[in-house]
Protein backbone atom coordinates (compact mmCIF):
# COMPACT_ATOMS: atom_id res chain seq x y z
CA MET A 1 9.62 -22.95 -6.16
CA ASP A 2 8.69 -24.56 -9.47
CA SER A 3 10.02 -22.25 -12.18
CA ASN A 4 7.15 -23.31 -14.44
CA LEU A 5 4.49 -22.03 -12.04
CA GLY A 6 2.06 -20.10 -14.21
CA ALA A 7 4.23 -20.56 -17.30
CA ASP A 8 1.28 -21.86 -19.32
CA LEU A 9 -0.12 -18.33 -19.52
CA ARG A 10 2.52 -15.71 -20.13
CA PRO A 11 1.11 -12.24 -19.41
CA SER A 12 1.47 -9.73 -22.22
CA SER A 13 0.47 -6.77 -20.08
CA TRP A 14 -0.03 -5.83 -16.46
CA GLN A 15 -3.76 -6.52 -16.83
CA ALA A 16 -3.05 -10.06 -18.02
CA GLU A 17 -0.61 -10.56 -15.15
CA LEU A 18 -3.22 -9.27 -12.73
CA ALA A 19 -5.74 -11.76 -14.09
CA GLN A 20 -3.41 -14.54 -12.91
CA ALA A 21 -3.41 -13.31 -9.31
CA ILE A 22 -4.18 -15.99 -6.72
CA ARG A 23 -7.56 -15.68 -5.04
CA ASP A 24 -7.97 -19.18 -3.59
CA PRO A 25 -6.18 -20.10 -0.31
CA ASP A 26 -5.74 -23.70 -1.48
CA VAL A 27 -3.93 -22.52 -4.62
CA LEU A 28 -1.60 -20.38 -2.52
CA ILE A 29 -0.87 -23.23 -0.10
CA ASP A 30 -0.26 -25.67 -2.95
CA ALA A 31 1.96 -23.26 -4.89
CA LEU A 32 4.26 -22.82 -1.89
CA GLY A 33 4.07 -26.38 -0.56
CA LEU A 34 2.71 -25.22 2.80
CA PRO A 35 1.34 -27.53 5.53
CA ASP A 36 -2.21 -28.77 5.02
CA GLN A 37 -3.23 -27.69 8.51
CA LEU A 38 -3.26 -24.08 7.29
CA ARG A 39 -6.13 -24.74 4.88
CA ALA A 40 -9.17 -24.63 7.15
CA GLY A 41 -8.18 -21.39 8.87
CA ALA A 42 -7.21 -19.75 5.58
CA ARG A 43 -10.56 -20.62 4.00
CA GLN A 44 -12.42 -19.34 7.04
CA ALA A 45 -10.57 -16.00 7.11
CA ALA A 46 -10.76 -15.55 3.33
CA ALA A 47 -14.56 -15.72 3.61
CA LEU A 48 -14.39 -12.59 5.78
CA PHE A 49 -11.73 -10.71 3.78
CA PRO A 50 -10.81 -12.26 0.41
CA LEU A 51 -7.33 -13.44 -0.46
CA MET A 52 -5.55 -11.82 -3.37
CA VAL A 53 -1.84 -11.95 -4.19
CA THR A 54 0.03 -11.45 -7.46
CA ARG A 55 2.31 -14.10 -8.93
CA SER A 56 5.15 -11.58 -8.90
CA PHE A 57 4.88 -11.22 -5.13
CA LEU A 58 4.41 -14.97 -4.72
CA HIS A 59 7.70 -15.70 -6.51
CA ARG A 60 9.58 -13.67 -3.86
CA MET A 61 8.35 -15.95 -1.04
CA ARG A 62 10.29 -18.90 0.34
CA PRO A 63 8.59 -22.20 -0.59
CA GLY A 64 7.57 -24.43 2.30
CA ASP A 65 8.04 -21.71 4.94
CA PRO A 66 4.84 -20.73 6.83
CA SER A 67 6.83 -17.96 8.55
CA ASP A 68 8.00 -16.25 5.36
CA PRO A 69 7.60 -12.50 5.99
CA LEU A 70 5.96 -11.87 2.62
CA LEU A 71 3.57 -14.77 3.02
CA LEU A 72 2.49 -13.57 6.47
CA GLN A 73 1.27 -10.32 4.91
CA VAL A 74 -1.23 -12.10 2.65
CA LEU A 75 -2.06 -15.48 4.22
CA PRO A 76 -5.55 -15.51 5.79
CA LEU A 77 -5.54 -16.77 9.38
CA CYS A 78 -8.46 -17.85 11.54
CA SER A 79 -7.32 -15.40 14.25
CA GLU A 80 -8.63 -12.59 12.03
CA GLY A 81 -12.10 -13.50 13.23
CA ASP A 82 -11.24 -12.97 16.91
CA ALA A 83 -12.83 -10.01 18.67
CA VAL A 84 -10.05 -8.10 20.45
CA ALA A 85 -10.67 -5.09 22.66
CA GLY A 86 -9.51 -1.83 21.06
CA PHE A 87 -9.60 -3.18 17.50
CA GLU A 88 -12.45 -1.63 15.50
CA THR A 89 -13.84 -1.63 11.97
CA ASP A 90 -13.00 2.08 11.45
CA PRO A 91 -10.16 2.87 13.88
CA LEU A 92 -9.25 6.09 12.05
CA ALA A 93 -12.83 7.44 11.98
CA GLU A 94 -12.56 8.03 8.24
CA HIS A 95 -16.34 8.25 7.94
CA GLU A 96 -16.05 11.62 9.69
CA ALA A 97 -13.52 12.95 7.15
CA HIS A 98 -15.81 12.76 4.09
CA LYS A 99 -16.17 16.13 2.37
CA ALA A 100 -17.85 14.83 -0.79
CA PRO A 101 -18.35 11.42 -2.40
CA GLY A 102 -14.88 9.91 -2.79
CA LEU A 103 -13.15 12.85 -1.09
CA LEU A 104 -11.63 12.74 2.41
CA GLN A 105 -9.85 15.53 4.25
CA LYS A 106 -8.10 14.78 7.51
CA TYR A 107 -5.28 17.35 7.45
CA GLY A 108 -4.88 20.96 6.45
CA GLY A 109 -3.65 21.81 2.97
CA ARG A 110 -4.27 18.40 1.43
CA ALA A 111 -7.16 16.15 0.50
CA LEU A 112 -7.42 12.47 -0.36
CA VAL A 113 -9.37 10.83 -3.16
CA ILE A 114 -10.62 7.25 -2.87
CA SER A 115 -10.00 6.62 -6.55
CA THR A 116 -11.00 2.93 -6.53
CA GLY A 117 -11.71 0.14 -4.09
CA ALA A 118 -9.63 -2.39 -6.04
CA CYS A 119 -6.16 -3.65 -5.11
CA ALA A 120 -3.71 -6.11 -6.66
CA ILE A 121 -2.98 -7.60 -3.26
CA HIS A 122 -5.05 -7.89 -0.10
CA CYS A 123 -2.77 -7.10 2.81
CA ARG A 124 -4.19 -8.78 5.90
CA TYR A 125 -3.38 -5.73 8.08
CA CYS A 126 -5.17 -3.29 5.74
CA PHE A 127 -6.76 -0.44 7.70
CA ARG A 128 -9.47 -0.11 5.02
CA ARG A 129 -10.43 -3.79 4.97
CA ASN A 130 -13.94 -2.79 6.14
CA PHE A 131 -14.26 0.41 4.09
CA ALA A 132 -17.57 0.88 2.23
CA TYR A 133 -16.04 1.24 -1.23
CA GLY A 134 -19.39 0.54 -2.86
CA ASP A 135 -20.60 3.95 -1.69
CA GLU A 136 -17.83 5.85 -3.52
CA PRO A 137 -17.93 7.24 -7.10
CA ARG A 138 -17.33 4.97 -10.08
CA ARG A 139 -18.03 6.96 -13.27
CA MET A 140 -16.17 10.19 -14.04
CA ALA A 141 -19.44 12.12 -13.81
CA ASP A 142 -19.84 10.89 -10.24
CA TRP A 143 -16.67 12.72 -9.26
CA GLU A 144 -17.98 16.19 -10.10
CA PRO A 145 -19.04 17.04 -6.50
CA ALA A 146 -15.51 16.17 -5.33
CA PHE A 147 -13.92 18.29 -8.06
CA ALA A 148 -16.26 21.16 -7.17
CA GLN A 149 -15.36 20.86 -3.48
CA LEU A 150 -11.65 20.99 -4.31
CA ASP A 151 -12.11 23.92 -6.67
CA ALA A 152 -13.96 25.87 -3.98
CA ASP A 153 -11.28 25.44 -1.31
CA PRO A 154 -8.08 27.39 -2.15
CA SER A 155 -6.44 26.19 1.07
CA ILE A 156 -5.88 22.74 -0.50
CA HIS A 157 -2.54 22.58 -2.31
CA GLU A 158 -1.98 18.84 -2.51
CA ILE A 159 -4.21 16.06 -3.83
CA ILE A 160 -3.57 12.47 -2.75
CA LEU A 161 -4.75 9.58 -4.91
CA SER A 162 -5.46 6.58 -2.72
CA GLY A 163 -7.87 3.67 -2.57
CA GLY A 164 -7.79 0.70 -2.85
CA ASP A 165 -4.89 1.37 -5.17
CA PRO A 166 -5.08 4.16 -7.77
CA LEU A 167 -2.79 2.26 -10.15
CA MET A 168 -5.54 -0.32 -10.58
CA LEU A 169 -7.07 2.32 -12.86
CA THR A 170 -5.94 2.34 -16.49
CA ASP A 171 -3.55 5.01 -17.70
CA SER A 172 -6.37 6.65 -19.67
CA ARG A 173 -8.66 6.79 -16.61
CA LEU A 174 -5.84 8.19 -14.48
CA ALA A 175 -5.11 10.79 -17.17
CA LYS A 176 -8.72 12.01 -17.08
CA MET A 177 -8.63 12.43 -13.32
CA ILE A 178 -5.25 14.14 -13.33
CA ARG A 179 -6.35 16.56 -16.06
CA ARG A 180 -9.28 17.59 -13.86
CA PHE A 181 -6.92 18.19 -10.94
CA ASP A 182 -4.52 20.08 -13.22
CA ALA A 183 -7.34 22.49 -14.06
CA ILE A 184 -7.70 23.47 -10.37
CA GLY A 185 -5.05 26.16 -10.16
CA HIS A 186 -4.34 26.03 -6.44
CA LEU A 187 -3.43 22.32 -6.52
CA ASP A 188 0.37 22.34 -6.65
CA ARG A 189 1.26 18.74 -5.80
CA LEU A 190 -0.02 15.31 -6.82
CA ARG A 191 0.71 12.40 -4.49
CA ILE A 192 -0.05 8.81 -5.49
CA HIS A 193 -0.11 6.14 -2.78
CA THR A 194 0.33 2.73 -4.36
CA ARG A 195 1.51 -0.80 -3.61
CA LEU A 196 1.58 -1.87 -7.27
CA PRO A 197 5.22 -0.93 -8.05
CA ILE A 198 6.08 -3.41 -5.28
CA VAL A 199 3.64 -6.26 -5.98
CA LEU A 200 2.97 -5.76 -9.72
CA PRO A 201 5.95 -3.83 -11.13
CA SER A 202 4.76 -4.22 -14.74
CA ARG A 203 2.01 -1.71 -13.93
CA VAL A 204 4.54 1.13 -14.12
CA THR A 205 4.15 1.59 -17.86
CA ARG A 206 5.81 4.17 -20.09
CA PRO A 207 2.48 6.01 -20.55
CA PHE A 208 2.09 6.17 -16.76
CA VAL A 209 5.57 7.66 -16.28
CA LYS A 210 4.93 10.08 -19.14
CA LEU A 211 1.67 11.11 -17.49
CA LEU A 212 3.44 11.88 -14.21
CA ARG A 213 6.03 13.96 -16.03
CA SER A 214 3.44 15.87 -18.04
CA THR A 215 1.28 17.20 -15.22
CA ARG A 216 1.58 20.82 -14.12
CA MET A 217 1.60 19.62 -10.51
CA THR A 218 4.73 18.27 -8.84
CA PRO A 219 4.31 14.48 -8.61
CA PHE A 220 5.22 12.22 -5.71
CA VAL A 221 4.82 8.44 -5.65
CA VAL A 222 4.53 6.83 -2.21
CA VAL A 223 5.04 3.07 -2.35
CA HIS A 224 4.55 0.49 0.38
CA ALA A 225 7.20 -2.13 1.11
CA ASN A 226 7.55 -3.70 4.55
CA HIS A 227 10.45 -6.14 4.11
CA PRO A 228 13.70 -6.10 2.10
CA ALA A 229 12.72 -9.27 0.21
CA GLU A 230 9.96 -7.26 -1.47
CA VAL A 231 12.46 -4.82 -3.01
CA ALA A 232 14.14 -7.16 -5.47
CA ASP A 233 14.41 -7.99 -9.17
CA GLU A 234 11.79 -6.25 -11.33
CA CYS A 235 10.46 -4.32 -8.35
CA ALA A 236 13.90 -2.80 -7.71
CA ARG A 237 14.36 -1.99 -11.40
CA THR A 238 10.95 -0.32 -11.52
CA LEU A 239 11.65 1.87 -8.50
CA ARG A 240 15.01 2.92 -9.92
CA ARG A 241 13.35 3.72 -13.26
CA LEU A 242 10.83 6.02 -11.58
CA VAL A 243 13.57 7.81 -9.65
CA ARG A 244 15.75 8.23 -12.73
CA ARG A 245 12.81 9.74 -14.60
CA GLY A 246 12.79 12.50 -12.02
CA ILE A 247 9.91 11.27 -9.86
CA THR A 248 10.29 11.62 -6.10
CA VAL A 249 9.55 8.19 -4.60
CA LEU A 250 8.98 7.61 -0.89
CA ASN A 251 8.23 4.43 1.03
CA GLN A 252 5.83 3.79 3.87
CA ALA A 253 6.07 0.64 5.96
CA VAL A 254 3.92 -0.77 8.74
CA LEU A 255 5.56 -2.33 11.78
CA LEU A 256 4.29 -5.93 11.75
CA ARG A 257 4.92 -8.78 14.15
CA GLY A 258 6.86 -11.59 12.51
CA VAL A 259 7.40 -9.56 9.33
CA ASN A 260 9.74 -6.67 10.10
CA ASP A 261 9.89 -6.27 13.89
CA SER A 262 13.68 -6.52 13.93
CA VAL A 263 16.53 -4.10 13.41
CA GLU A 264 18.02 -6.34 10.73
CA ALA A 265 14.86 -6.38 8.59
CA LEU A 266 14.19 -2.65 8.74
CA ALA A 267 17.84 -1.66 8.33
CA SER A 268 18.12 -3.85 5.25
CA LEU A 269 14.85 -2.45 3.88
CA SER A 270 16.05 1.13 4.31
CA GLU A 271 19.40 0.41 2.69
CA ARG A 272 17.82 -1.29 -0.30
CA LEU A 273 15.47 1.66 -0.73
CA VAL A 274 18.06 4.43 -0.46
CA ASN A 275 20.39 2.56 -2.80
CA LEU A 276 17.62 2.89 -5.41
CA GLY A 277 17.01 6.57 -4.57
CA VAL A 278 13.77 5.87 -2.66
CA ILE A 279 13.30 7.77 0.60
CA PRO A 280 12.19 5.77 3.68
CA TYR A 281 9.37 8.07 4.74
CA TYR A 282 7.21 6.59 7.50
CA LEU A 283 7.21 3.52 9.70
CA HIS A 284 3.61 3.22 10.92
CA GLN A 285 2.50 1.76 14.19
CA LEU A 286 -0.30 -0.65 13.26
CA ASP A 287 -3.74 0.90 12.84
CA ARG A 288 -5.97 -1.09 15.20
CA VAL A 289 -8.49 -2.42 12.71
CA ALA A 290 -10.54 -5.47 13.61
CA GLY A 291 -8.88 -8.67 12.41
CA THR A 292 -5.29 -7.43 12.66
CA ALA A 293 -4.42 -7.80 16.37
CA HIS A 294 -1.97 -10.64 15.67
CA PHE A 295 0.24 -8.17 13.76
CA GLU A 296 0.60 -5.62 16.56
CA VAL A 297 4.08 -4.87 17.91
CA PRO A 298 4.43 -2.97 21.21
CA GLU A 299 5.38 0.68 20.70
CA THR A 300 8.31 0.21 23.06
CA ARG A 301 9.77 -2.38 20.69
CA GLY A 302 9.29 -0.03 17.76
CA LEU A 303 11.12 2.72 19.61
CA GLU A 304 14.02 0.37 20.37
CA ILE A 305 14.29 -0.58 16.70
CA VAL A 306 14.22 3.03 15.48
CA ALA A 307 16.84 4.05 18.04
CA GLU A 308 19.15 1.33 16.72
CA LEU A 309 18.41 2.34 13.12
CA ARG A 310 19.63 5.86 13.99
CA ARG A 311 22.88 4.38 15.25
CA ARG A 312 23.40 2.24 12.15
CA LEU A 313 22.11 4.39 9.29
CA PRO A 314 22.46 7.95 7.99
CA GLY A 315 19.60 10.18 9.04
CA TYR A 316 17.96 10.23 5.61
CA ALA A 317 17.62 6.43 5.74
CA VAL A 318 15.70 6.36 9.04
CA PRO A 319 11.90 6.53 8.64
CA GLN A 320 9.77 8.56 11.03
CA PHE A 321 7.97 6.28 13.48
CA VAL A 322 4.38 7.52 13.59
CA ARG A 323 0.82 6.53 14.31
CA GLU A 324 -2.46 8.03 13.14
CA ILE A 325 -4.86 9.29 15.78
CA PRO A 326 -8.36 10.36 14.69
CA GLY A 327 -8.90 14.09 14.99
CA GLN A 328 -5.22 15.00 15.14
CA PRO A 329 -4.07 17.49 12.46
CA HIS A 330 -1.11 15.34 11.39
CA LYS A 331 0.55 11.98 11.85
CA VAL A 332 1.69 11.74 15.48
CA PRO A 333 5.32 10.78 16.18
CA VAL A 334 5.68 7.81 18.51
CA LEU A 335 7.89 9.05 21.33
């Protein structure tokens, strides 16, 4: 890839770097020197679910390779518009889990906050690609019903910041939310689910790390990498920095056709993660959201891969193979 790509505007902060993210399929195809025949389908699919990919993530892709496993996660394809039986707009029935504006509760003892609808990257397999983010709170005052609901339920001991991606919020906005959670005495743990340490490592600022270390609650950061090529360079340094600052970091991956549906890919991913002190946590069977059928891998293949991972890797490096089933009180192991 051209080393001068984007060099005319050097970002001075993560916000400036985010502003350079690619949102046009033609720009992505040109930047990587991909075949022109991809253009029409990419434009068509991007009209349904917009393209967005950071330059940092782009620079880890192989130029000229339409099968690059990182590219496949973000490249819009015309097949996303196909209607496939069993693939729905809300496969996890999240609309039934709303307890208050912005607050979801699926499992006992923990609740999830839709902190923002924004992301730094639009993963084509996203299970919330059809989520009605516009209906969720925006101003801090709008969150008061959610805070009140949490305060009134002493059975909840863990709060999960999700989205979108919570690290799209500024450090000051995150601090305000975390202070409100800190004031709810029965909340013992703070979990942040984020893709930004992978796709926009500069977002992990010193103030953000200081914020995590200053909260009364025990913090956990759950990142999302699917392929070993994602965990490289500044991304790897950022993950190691979080771990060495005393933050427990876990990784969730999704089993994706053409991306990581091989023993070699997932074994390498796990080894890169554990070498940095990151725990491979879950390997998810694909959530069957409309537009993602081309990513689905048979469960039998996933079981074969995990069985081989157990033979090759220490137990702590083997993620749990799970799927989410609406109405179940926990993630369900794939057996």
